[in-house]
Amino acid sequence: MHDTESDTFVYQTWPEKFVDMLSEIGVESEAKEIATVDVEQGDYYSRYFSQTPRMVTNKGCLEVKNSNIDVIQIIQKG
């Protein structure tokens, strides 16, 4: 590392990264813990269509404040 670079790395979850990105454009939001929001409880995709992935990973949710959008769920498909 160079002398000007910090030796400390701050670990952030995906919701925390998105909260930081949204705050840069003036959107107020809050990261939620995984599996604490009702949206995370069901299937993410229909199993009736062949092109929908079966493996979906829940990365967490964030709550948007002062908006018509209540919760944003971050998922990874593959």
Protein backbone atom coordinates (compact mmCIF):
# COMPACT_ATOMS: atom_id res chain seq x y z
CA MET A 1 0.00 0.00 0.00
CA HIS A 2 0.99 3.57 -0.48
CA ASP A 3 1.57 5.81 2.51
CA THR A 4 -1.50 7.92 1.67
CA GLU A 5 -3.89 4.93 1.71
CA SER A 6 -5.67 3.89 4.86
CA ASP A 7 -4.85 0.52 6.42
CA THR A 8 -8.40 0.14 7.74
CA PHE A 9 -11.14 -1.36 5.58
CA VAL A 10 -14.75 -0.86 6.61
CA TYR A 11 -16.89 -3.94 5.92
CA GLN A 12 -20.33 -3.02 4.60
CA THR A 13 -23.24 -5.24 3.68
CA TRP A 14 -25.06 -4.70 0.39
CA PRO A 15 -27.92 -2.76 2.03
CA GLU A 16 -25.40 -0.48 3.75
CA LYS A 17 -23.68 0.18 0.41
CA PHE A 18 -26.99 1.07 -1.21
CA VAL A 19 -27.92 3.35 1.70
CA ASP A 20 -24.65 5.24 1.16
CA MET A 21 -25.28 5.50 -2.61
CA LEU A 22 -28.84 6.72 -2.08
CA SER A 23 -27.76 9.30 0.50
CA GLU A 24 -25.38 10.79 -2.09
CA ILE A 25 -28.38 11.65 -4.29
CA GLY A 26 -30.51 12.88 -1.39
CA VAL A 27 -32.67 9.81 -0.72
CA GLU A 28 -33.01 8.95 2.96
CA SER A 29 -33.05 5.22 3.73
CA GLU A 30 -32.14 2.69 6.40
CA ALA A 31 -30.56 -0.77 6.08
CA LYS A 32 -32.51 -3.64 7.65
CA GLU A 33 -31.19 -6.92 9.03
CA ILE A 34 -31.60 -9.99 6.84
CA ALA A 35 -34.85 -11.95 7.40
CA THR A 36 -36.53 -9.23 9.48
CA VAL A 37 -38.87 -7.94 6.74
CA ASP A 38 -42.02 -9.79 5.59
CA VAL A 39 -41.04 -9.36 1.92
CA GLU A 40 -38.15 -11.81 2.40
CA GLN A 41 -40.29 -14.74 3.47
CA GLY A 42 -41.75 -15.98 0.15
CA ASP A 43 -40.42 -17.28 -3.17
CA TYR A 44 -38.78 -14.68 -5.34
CA TYR A 45 -39.60 -16.16 -8.76
CA SER A 46 -42.29 -18.38 -10.20
CA ARG A 47 -41.27 -22.02 -10.61
CA TYR A 48 -43.61 -22.55 -13.59
CA PHE A 49 -41.40 -20.95 -16.24
CA SER A 50 -38.21 -22.61 -17.46
CA GLN A 51 -36.06 -19.47 -17.70
CA THR A 52 -36.48 -18.36 -14.12
CA PRO A 53 -33.53 -19.21 -11.89
CA ARG A 54 -33.95 -21.63 -9.03
CA MET A 55 -31.00 -20.29 -7.03
CA VAL A 56 -31.78 -16.89 -5.51
CA THR A 57 -29.81 -15.37 -2.66
CA ASN A 58 -31.31 -12.75 -0.38
CA LYS A 59 -28.81 -9.93 0.21
CA GLY A 60 -31.07 -7.93 2.52
CA CYS A 61 -33.53 -5.03 2.47
CA LEU A 62 -33.54 -1.31 2.98
CA GLU A 63 -36.38 0.94 4.03
CA VAL A 64 -36.87 4.14 2.04
CA LYS A 65 -38.16 7.12 4.03
CA ASN A 66 -40.39 9.95 2.78
CA SER A 67 -41.34 8.04 -0.37
CA ASN A 68 -44.12 5.91 -1.84
CA ILE A 69 -41.66 3.00 -1.84
CA ASP A 70 -41.62 1.24 1.51
CA VAL A 71 -38.97 -1.49 1.15
CA ILE A 72 -36.37 -2.42 -1.45
CA GLN A 73 -35.17 -6.02 -1.42
CA ILE A 74 -31.72 -6.83 -2.82
CA ILE A 75 -31.49 -10.31 -4.33
CA GLN A 76 -28.87 -12.14 -6.35
CA LYS A 77 -30.00 -14.63 -8.95
CA GLY A 78 -27.87 -17.22 -10.61
